[in-house]
């Protein structure tokens, strides 16, 4: 019996923010995977090591969490006034599918650096020393991200003293601007608040009727109050991820919220749309100890937020959900804004399981409709390994 040999595909393994993923240039993918479809999905699943019934992704590059089961495909931009097209694929750990329904805000921090190093940004736009402004077209949601990438001696600077809670070591700061982050091209009805309300009564069978802010900014997100579902907002991962009943409750909230937001037409569609929407719970500031043992004082934050990604409590905060938090905090009357004390604000610092994060947003109201011009946050990114990733030649 003959066996097909492995093939090797040029790839880079990168950390962006509090996530890790395998990055590809579109032109380097096998021809069959250069277009959307079954072959591309099968290739990425095999690269990451999914589907894995053991939930460990031992036979692939994935790290068995939503933060480390990610892929990125970049190409020179087809859009005017943009440098690079960025497509994000969230790979399911235990199921055979790749979710293309949203962006990864954390890996967005690595896109500019990879694009520069990979020759996808015109050399004339990269200074010898200073900051390179990379104009990114986020292809999943049809939005622009501006990445400000530090350059030293003509190369991307990755080392530095910028510290990001949830990341062990300091690195160079990368500032991201998520332009016009509200709504998207693929669902949500084109409105920041798909239901038309800042707060809704969301009926969730088996849970009750919850006050909910359902917003589409950065990524579709459902916010509920922590105390309404029996939490304080100071929880760490183990308090929720080891509780099957709690996870089932959050998935039920997520599914019913997705239906109200118009993201799905039938409840059972939620199972095939794991990446979006996100569900999060908020609370007023309290003292707590982060997952690293660091004390977070109530006075250090404006509010507490805990968010779930791919069915589990996130160890820190998804970048796109941070955009949703910053945007909702800037709009008086949302649950996020009220948890932060109410009133008008253009920035918020929130506590998450790994520490704190600051995000800014510029929101305004006209004719009764809220809009946000951009959300701003700082992350960092670093190349972990580069070369080729190998997969069996018959795996896609």
Protein backbone atom coordinates (compact mmCIF):
# COMPACT_ATOMS: atom_id res chain seq x y z
CA UNK A 1 0.00 0.00 0.00
CA UNK A 2 1.39 3.40 -0.95
CA UNK A 3 0.97 6.50 1.15
CA UNK A 4 0.85 10.10 -0.01
CA UNK A 5 3.85 12.07 1.31
CA UNK A 6 3.49 15.25 3.32
CA UNK A 7 3.63 18.60 1.59
CA UNK A 8 5.07 21.74 3.13
CA UNK A 9 3.41 25.14 3.00
CA UNK A 10 5.23 28.40 3.88
CA UNK A 11 3.79 29.68 7.15
CA UNK A 12 4.54 31.82 10.19
CA UNK A 13 3.39 31.10 13.73
CA UNK A 14 2.65 34.40 15.47
CA UNK A 15 1.33 35.79 18.70
CA UNK A 16 -0.97 38.74 18.35
CA UNK A 17 -2.34 40.25 21.55
CA UNK A 18 -3.46 37.35 23.75
CA UNK A 19 -3.93 34.93 20.83
CA UNK A 20 -1.71 32.77 18.62
CA UNK A 21 -2.29 31.68 15.04
CA UNK A 22 -0.76 30.31 11.87
CA UNK A 23 -0.31 33.03 9.23
CA UNK A 24 -0.17 32.42 5.48
CA UNK A 25 0.30 34.56 2.43
CA UNK A 26 -2.51 33.72 0.00
CA UNK A 27 0.02 33.19 -2.79
CA UNK A 28 1.82 30.51 -0.75
CA UNK A 29 -1.21 28.28 -0.25
CA UNK A 30 -1.71 25.24 -2.49
CA UNK A 31 -3.72 26.26 -5.54
CA UNK A 32 -6.89 24.48 -4.42
CA UNK A 33 -6.79 26.40 -1.11
CA UNK A 34 -6.26 29.82 -2.67
CA UNK A 35 -10.03 30.18 -3.05
CA UNK A 36 -12.71 29.83 -0.37
CA UNK A 37 -14.25 26.39 -0.08
CA UNK A 38 -13.91 22.84 1.17
CA UNK A 39 -10.25 22.42 0.18
CA UNK A 40 -9.16 25.54 2.07
CA UNK A 41 -11.12 24.55 5.15
CA UNK A 42 -9.76 21.00 5.09
CA UNK A 43 -6.20 22.28 4.79
CA UNK A 44 -6.56 24.66 7.74
CA UNK A 45 -8.26 22.03 9.86
CA UNK A 46 -5.34 19.65 9.26
CA UNK A 47 -2.77 22.39 9.94
CA UNK A 48 -4.36 23.16 13.32
CA UNK A 49 -5.07 19.52 14.17
CA UNK A 50 -8.86 19.46 14.06
CA UNK A 51 -11.31 17.93 14.50
CA UNK A 52 -9.85 16.31 17.60
CA UNK A 53 -12.24 14.23 19.74
CA UNK A 54 -9.61 14.34 22.49
CA UNK A 55 -9.79 18.15 22.47
CA UNK A 56 -5.99 18.56 22.56
CA UNK A 57 -4.96 19.24 18.92
CA UNK A 58 -1.83 17.17 19.53
CA UNK A 59 -1.43 16.41 15.80
CA UNK A 60 -1.39 20.04 14.68
CA UNK A 61 -0.40 23.60 15.49
CA UNK A 62 -3.44 24.42 17.62
CA UNK A 63 -3.21 24.89 21.36
CA UNK A 64 -6.61 23.43 22.27
CA UNK A 65 -8.19 26.76 23.25
CA UNK A 66 -10.19 29.29 21.24
CA UNK A 67 -7.24 31.71 21.58
CA UNK A 68 -4.82 29.28 19.94
CA UNK A 69 -6.96 27.58 17.29
CA UNK A 70 -6.68 30.31 14.69
CA UNK A 71 -5.54 30.88 11.12
CA UNK A 72 -4.90 34.00 9.04
CA UNK A 73 -4.59 34.47 5.28
CA UNK A 74 -3.12 37.73 3.96
CA UNK A 75 -2.77 39.14 0.46
CA UNK A 76 -1.94 42.46 -1.16
CA UNK A 77 -5.13 44.45 -0.95
CA UNK A 78 -7.65 44.53 -3.75
CA UNK A 79 -9.27 47.57 -2.10
CA UNK A 80 -8.31 51.19 -2.88
CA UNK A 81 -6.29 52.95 -0.18
CA UNK A 82 -5.51 49.70 1.64
CA UNK A 83 -2.26 47.76 1.90
CA UNK A 84 -3.37 44.26 2.79
CA UNK A 85 -6.48 42.06 2.82
CA UNK A 86 -6.83 40.12 6.07
CA UNK A 87 -8.99 37.00 6.32
CA UNK A 88 -9.40 35.25 9.66
CA UNK A 89 -10.46 31.64 10.18
CA UNK A 90 -11.47 30.43 13.66
CA UNK A 91 -10.89 26.68 13.62
CA UNK A 92 -13.19 24.51 15.71
CA UNK A 93 -11.31 22.24 18.08
CA UNK A 94 -13.58 19.20 18.12
CA UNK A 95 -15.69 19.71 15.00
CA UNK A 96 -14.80 19.73 11.31
CA UNK A 97 -15.43 23.35 10.44
CA UNK A 98 -13.77 26.72 10.14
CA UNK A 99 -15.83 29.73 11.20
CA UNK A 100 -15.34 32.73 8.89
CA UNK A 101 -18.11 34.85 10.45
CA UNK A 102 -15.99 37.39 12.33
CA UNK A 103 -12.64 39.00 12.96
CA UNK A 104 -9.96 38.30 15.56
CA UNK A 105 -9.03 41.59 17.18
CA UNK A 106 -6.00 40.15 18.95
CA UNK A 107 -4.42 38.69 15.81
CA UNK A 108 -5.16 42.00 14.08
CA UNK A 109 -2.13 43.27 16.02
CA UNK A 110 0.13 40.85 14.12
CA UNK A 111 -1.28 41.51 10.64
CA UNK A 112 0.71 44.70 9.96
CA UNK A 113 3.99 43.16 11.08
CA UNK A 114 3.47 40.01 9.01
CA UNK A 115 2.42 42.05 5.97
CA UNK A 116 5.54 44.22 6.16
CA UNK A 117 7.91 41.30 6.69
CA UNK A 118 6.16 39.29 3.97
CA UNK A 119 6.53 41.99 1.32
CA UNK A 120 2.81 42.71 1.13
CA UNK A 121 3.25 46.41 1.98
CA UNK A 122 4.88 48.75 -0.54
CA UNK A 123 8.42 49.46 0.65
CA UNK A 124 7.88 53.18 0.17
CA UNK A 125 5.32 53.09 3.01
CA UNK A 126 7.81 51.66 5.51
CA UNK A 127 10.17 54.18 7.16
CA UNK A 128 13.73 53.30 8.07
CA UNK A 129 12.90 54.22 11.65
CA UNK A 130 9.59 55.25 13.17
CA UNK A 131 6.04 54.02 12.77
CA UNK A 132 4.66 52.30 9.66
CA UNK A 133 0.94 52.88 9.16
CA UNK A 134 -0.55 49.74 7.62
CA UNK A 135 -4.06 50.03 6.18
CA UNK A 136 -5.77 46.68 6.65
CA UNK A 137 -8.98 45.56 4.95
CA UNK A 138 -10.66 43.09 7.30
CA UNK A 139 -12.30 40.86 4.71
CA UNK A 140 -14.52 38.82 7.07
CA UNK A 141 -16.57 41.85 8.11
CA UNK A 142 -15.71 44.43 5.47
CA UNK A 143 -14.04 46.93 7.80
CA UNK A 144 -10.81 48.95 7.91
CA UNK A 145 -8.19 48.54 10.63
CA UNK A 146 -5.23 50.91 10.88
CA UNK A 147 -2.18 49.29 12.46
CA UNK A 148 0.70 51.45 13.69
CA UNK A 149 3.76 49.19 13.58
CA UNK A 150 7.11 50.27 15.07
CA UNK A 151 10.07 50.03 12.68
CA UNK A 152 13.76 50.02 13.64
CA UNK A 153 16.53 49.95 11.01
CA UNK A 154 14.02 49.12 8.30
CA UNK A 155 12.61 46.05 10.06
CA UNK A 156 9.58 45.43 12.27
CA UNK A 157 10.48 46.00 15.92
CA UNK A 158 9.02 43.26 18.07
CA UNK A 159 10.83 43.73 21.37
CA UNK A 160 9.96 46.49 23.80
CA UNK A 161 8.63 47.29 27.24
CA UNK A 162 4.89 47.38 26.54
CA UNK A 163 3.10 45.04 28.94
CA UNK A 164 -0.23 43.43 28.12
CA UNK A 165 -2.13 41.55 30.81
CA UNK A 166 -2.59 37.97 29.64
CA UNK A 167 0.82 37.93 27.91
CA UNK A 168 3.82 36.87 30.01
CA UNK A 169 6.60 38.94 28.46
CA UNK A 170 6.76 42.60 27.35
CA UNK A 171 7.07 43.51 23.66
CA UNK A 172 6.76 46.47 21.31
CA UNK A 173 3.46 48.36 21.40
CA UNK A 174 1.21 48.20 18.33
CA UNK A 175 -1.66 50.67 18.33
CA UNK A 176 -4.78 49.59 16.45
CA UNK A 177 -7.61 51.75 15.19
CA UNK A 178 -10.80 49.87 14.32
CA UNK A 179 -12.50 52.27 11.92
CA UNK A 180 -16.30 52.53 11.85
CA UNK A 181 -16.52 49.26 13.80
CA UNK A 182 -20.30 49.11 14.15
CA UNK A 183 -22.31 46.54 12.20
CA UNK A 184 -20.88 44.56 9.30
CA UNK A 185 -21.60 43.29 5.83
CA UNK A 186 -22.60 39.81 6.91
CA UNK A 187 -25.57 40.09 9.20
CA UNK A 188 -26.69 42.36 11.99
CA UNK A 189 -28.90 44.39 9.70
CA UNK A 190 -26.29 47.10 9.25
CA UNK A 191 -27.15 48.63 12.64
CA UNK A 192 -25.00 48.98 15.75
CA UNK A 193 -28.01 47.88 17.80
CA UNK A 194 -29.80 45.28 15.63
CA UNK A 195 -32.93 45.29 17.82
CA UNK A 196 -33.08 49.10 17.83
CA UNK A 197 -32.72 49.19 21.62
CA UNK A 198 -29.82 49.92 23.96
CA UNK A 199 -31.24 47.37 26.41
CA UNK A 200 -33.65 44.53 25.65
CA UNK A 201 -35.56 41.98 27.69
CA UNK A 202 -34.11 38.73 26.37
CA UNK A 203 -36.20 35.66 27.16
CA UNK A 204 -33.99 32.63 27.67
CA UNK A 205 -35.78 29.34 28.39
CA UNK A 206 -34.54 27.74 31.59
CA UNK A 207 -32.75 30.94 32.60
CA UNK A 208 -35.39 33.66 32.66
CA UNK A 209 -35.83 37.11 31.15
CA UNK A 210 -32.52 38.93 31.19
CA UNK A 211 -31.69 42.56 30.57
CA UNK A 212 -29.31 42.49 27.60
CA UNK A 213 -27.38 44.95 25.48
CA UNK A 214 -26.92 43.41 22.04
CA UNK A 215 -24.41 45.37 20.01
CA UNK A 216 -22.65 44.84 16.72
CA UNK A 217 -19.36 46.73 17.03
CA UNK A 218 -16.06 44.96 16.50
CA UNK A 219 -17.96 41.69 16.76
CA UNK A 220 -21.61 40.94 17.56
CA UNK A 221 -21.77 40.73 21.36
CA UNK A 222 -24.49 40.05 23.92
CA UNK A 223 -23.91 41.73 27.29
CA UNK A 224 -25.84 40.73 30.42
CA UNK A 225 -25.44 41.73 34.06
CA UNK A 226 -23.32 39.35 36.13
CA UNK A 227 -25.63 39.32 39.12
CA UNK A 228 -28.64 38.41 36.96
CA UNK A 229 -27.02 35.05 36.20
CA UNK A 230 -25.50 34.43 39.62
CA UNK A 231 -22.00 35.82 39.17
CA UNK A 232 -19.98 38.71 40.62
CA UNK A 233 -17.83 39.60 37.58
CA UNK A 234 -14.62 38.59 39.39
CA UNK A 235 -14.67 34.98 38.14
CA UNK A 236 -11.62 33.29 36.62
CA UNK A 237 -11.67 30.54 34.02
CA UNK A 238 -11.93 27.54 36.35
CA UNK A 239 -15.07 28.89 38.01
CA UNK A 240 -16.98 28.58 34.74
CA UNK A 241 -15.11 26.30 32.36
CA UNK A 242 -15.36 23.37 34.77
CA UNK A 243 -19.10 23.86 35.16
CA UNK A 244 -20.98 22.09 32.36
CA UNK A 245 -24.31 23.52 33.52
CA UNK A 246 -22.96 27.07 33.38
CA UNK A 247 -21.49 26.58 29.90
CA UNK A 248 -24.81 25.20 28.67
CA UNK A 249 -26.57 28.26 30.13
CA UNK A 250 -24.22 30.64 28.33
CA UNK A 251 -24.69 28.79 25.05
CA UNK A 252 -28.47 29.06 25.46
CA UNK A 253 -28.15 32.80 26.10
CA UNK A 254 -25.88 33.11 23.07
CA UNK A 255 -28.24 31.22 20.78
CA UNK A 256 -31.31 33.21 21.78
CA UNK A 257 -29.37 36.46 21.53
CA UNK A 258 -28.14 35.51 18.06
CA UNK A 259 -31.74 34.92 17.01
CA UNK A 260 -32.84 38.34 18.36
CA UNK A 261 -29.91 40.01 16.61
CA UNK A 262 -30.91 38.51 13.28
CA UNK A 263 -27.63 36.62 12.95
CA UNK A 264 -29.43 33.28 12.62
CA UNK A 265 -32.93 32.31 11.53
CA UNK A 266 -33.30 29.12 13.58
CA UNK A 267 -31.88 28.32 17.01
CA UNK A 268 -30.03 25.22 15.84
CA UNK A 269 -27.92 27.36 13.48
CA UNK A 270 -26.02 28.71 16.50
CA UNK A 271 -24.11 25.44 16.86
CA UNK A 272 -22.56 25.98 13.43
CA UNK A 273 -21.67 29.56 14.20
CA UNK A 274 -19.39 29.26 17.21
CA UNK A 275 -17.27 32.38 16.67
CA UNK A 276 -20.15 34.88 16.65
CA UNK A 277 -21.90 36.31 18.53
CA UNK A 278 -19.93 36.53 21.76
CA UNK A 279 -21.63 36.57 25.15
CA UNK A 280 -20.24 38.55 28.09
CA UNK A 281 -21.29 39.60 31.56
CA UNK A 282 -20.55 42.89 33.28
CA UNK A 283 -20.39 44.20 36.82
CA UNK A 284 -19.38 47.30 38.74
CA UNK A 285 -15.74 47.43 39.95
CA UNK A 286 -14.65 45.08 42.75
CA UNK A 287 -11.28 43.96 44.10
CA UNK A 288 -10.10 40.59 42.79
CA UNK A 289 -6.98 38.55 42.16
CA UNK A 290 -6.18 37.90 38.49
CA UNK A 291 -5.14 34.52 37.09
CA UNK A 292 -1.46 35.48 37.43
CA UNK A 293 -1.90 36.32 41.12
CA UNK A 294 -1.82 40.06 40.48
CA UNK A 295 -4.16 42.17 42.61
CA UNK A 296 -6.69 44.22 40.68
CA UNK A 297 -8.23 46.93 42.84
CA UNK A 298 -11.72 48.28 42.27
CA UNK A 299 -10.16 51.73 41.96
CA UNK A 300 -8.03 50.51 39.01
CA UNK A 301 -10.98 49.84 36.71
CA UNK A 302 -14.24 51.33 35.54
CA UNK A 303 -16.05 47.99 35.37
CA UNK A 304 -15.53 44.22 35.23
CA UNK A 305 -16.17 42.12 32.12
CA UNK A 306 -15.96 38.40 31.55
CA UNK A 307 -16.51 37.03 28.04
CA UNK A 308 -16.92 33.60 26.49
CA UNK A 309 -15.33 32.53 23.23
CA UNK A 310 -16.02 29.26 21.42
CA UNK A 311 -18.00 27.99 24.39
CA UNK A 312 -15.44 28.73 27.12
CA UNK A 313 -14.60 31.69 29.37
CA UNK A 314 -11.73 33.56 27.73
CA UNK A 315 -8.49 33.80 29.72
CA UNK A 316 -8.27 37.55 29.06
CA UNK A 317 -10.38 39.43 26.49
CA UNK A 318 -10.93 39.01 22.78
CA UNK A 319 -9.77 42.13 20.92
CA UNK A 320 -13.01 42.41 18.99
CA UNK A 321 -15.05 42.09 22.18
CA UNK A 322 -12.89 44.86 23.66
CA UNK A 323 -14.03 47.04 20.75
CA UNK A 324 -17.63 46.16 21.61
CA UNK A 325 -16.97 46.98 25.28
CA UNK A 326 -15.37 50.34 24.47
CA UNK A 327 -18.17 51.24 22.08
CA UNK A 328 -20.97 50.22 24.42
CA UNK A 329 -19.29 52.02 27.32
CA UNK A 330 -19.29 55.25 25.31
CA UNK A 331 -23.07 55.13 24.81
CA UNK A 332 -25.10 56.22 27.86
CA UNK A 333 -27.72 53.68 28.90
CA UNK A 334 -26.17 50.40 27.75
CA UNK A 335 -25.50 47.76 30.40
CA UNK A 336 -21.78 48.25 29.85
CA UNK A 337 -22.06 52.00 30.33
CA UNK A 338 -24.23 51.60 33.43
CA UNK A 339 -21.79 49.09 34.98
CA UNK A 340 -19.08 51.70 34.47
CA UNK A 341 -21.12 54.28 36.35
CA UNK A 342 -23.10 55.80 33.48
CA UNK A 343 -22.63 59.11 31.72
CA UNK A 344 -20.55 60.03 28.70
CA UNK A 345 -17.02 58.69 28.28
CA UNK A 346 -14.55 58.18 25.44
CA UNK A 347 -12.39 55.52 27.10
CA UNK A 348 -12.84 52.75 29.61
CA UNK A 349 -10.51 50.49 31.59
CA UNK A 350 -12.06 47.16 32.41
CA UNK A 351 -10.99 44.21 34.51
CA UNK A 352 -10.80 40.74 32.90
CA UNK A 353 -9.51 37.39 34.23
CA UNK A 354 -5.86 38.20 33.42
CA UNK A 355 -5.83 41.84 34.53
CA UNK A 356 -6.97 45.09 32.93
CA UNK A 357 -7.28 46.63 29.48
CA UNK A 358 -7.99 50.15 28.30
CA UNK A 359 -9.96 50.81 25.11
CA UNK A 360 -11.15 54.10 23.67
CA UNK A 361 -14.10 54.82 21.40
CA UNK A 362 -15.46 57.93 19.72
CA UNK A 363 -19.26 57.73 19.66
CA UNK A 364 -21.87 60.29 18.60
CA UNK A 365 -25.61 60.46 18.16
CA UNK A 366 -27.50 61.93 15.20
CA UNK A 367 -31.23 61.66 14.49
CA UNK A 368 -31.58 59.20 17.34
CA UNK A 369 -29.00 56.81 15.87
CA UNK A 370 -25.68 56.11 17.54
CA UNK A 371 -22.52 55.79 15.50
CA UNK A 372 -18.87 55.26 16.37
CA UNK A 373 -16.07 56.53 14.16
CA UNK A 374 -13.34 54.35 15.63
CA UNK A 375 -12.21 52.31 18.59
CA UNK A 376 -8.58 52.39 19.69
CA UNK A 377 -6.47 50.01 21.73
CA UNK A 378 -2.88 48.93 22.10
CA UNK A 379 -1.67 45.33 21.73
CA UNK A 380 1.64 43.69 20.84
CA UNK A 381 2.75 40.96 18.46
CA UNK A 382 5.71 38.69 17.87
CA UNK A 383 6.87 36.02 15.43
CA UNK A 384 7.23 32.74 17.31
CA UNK A 385 8.37 30.51 14.45
CA UNK A 386 8.62 30.74 10.69
CA UNK A 387 9.29 28.32 7.86
CA UNK A 388 6.87 25.68 6.64
CA UNK A 389 3.96 23.81 8.12
CA UNK A 390 3.53 20.22 6.91
CA UNK A 391 0.32 18.32 6.18
CA UNK A 392 -0.36 15.00 4.48
CA UNK A 393 -0.77 15.62 0.74
CA UNK A 394 -4.23 14.03 0.65
CA UNK A 395 -5.67 15.96 3.56
CA UNK A 396 -7.44 18.64 1.53
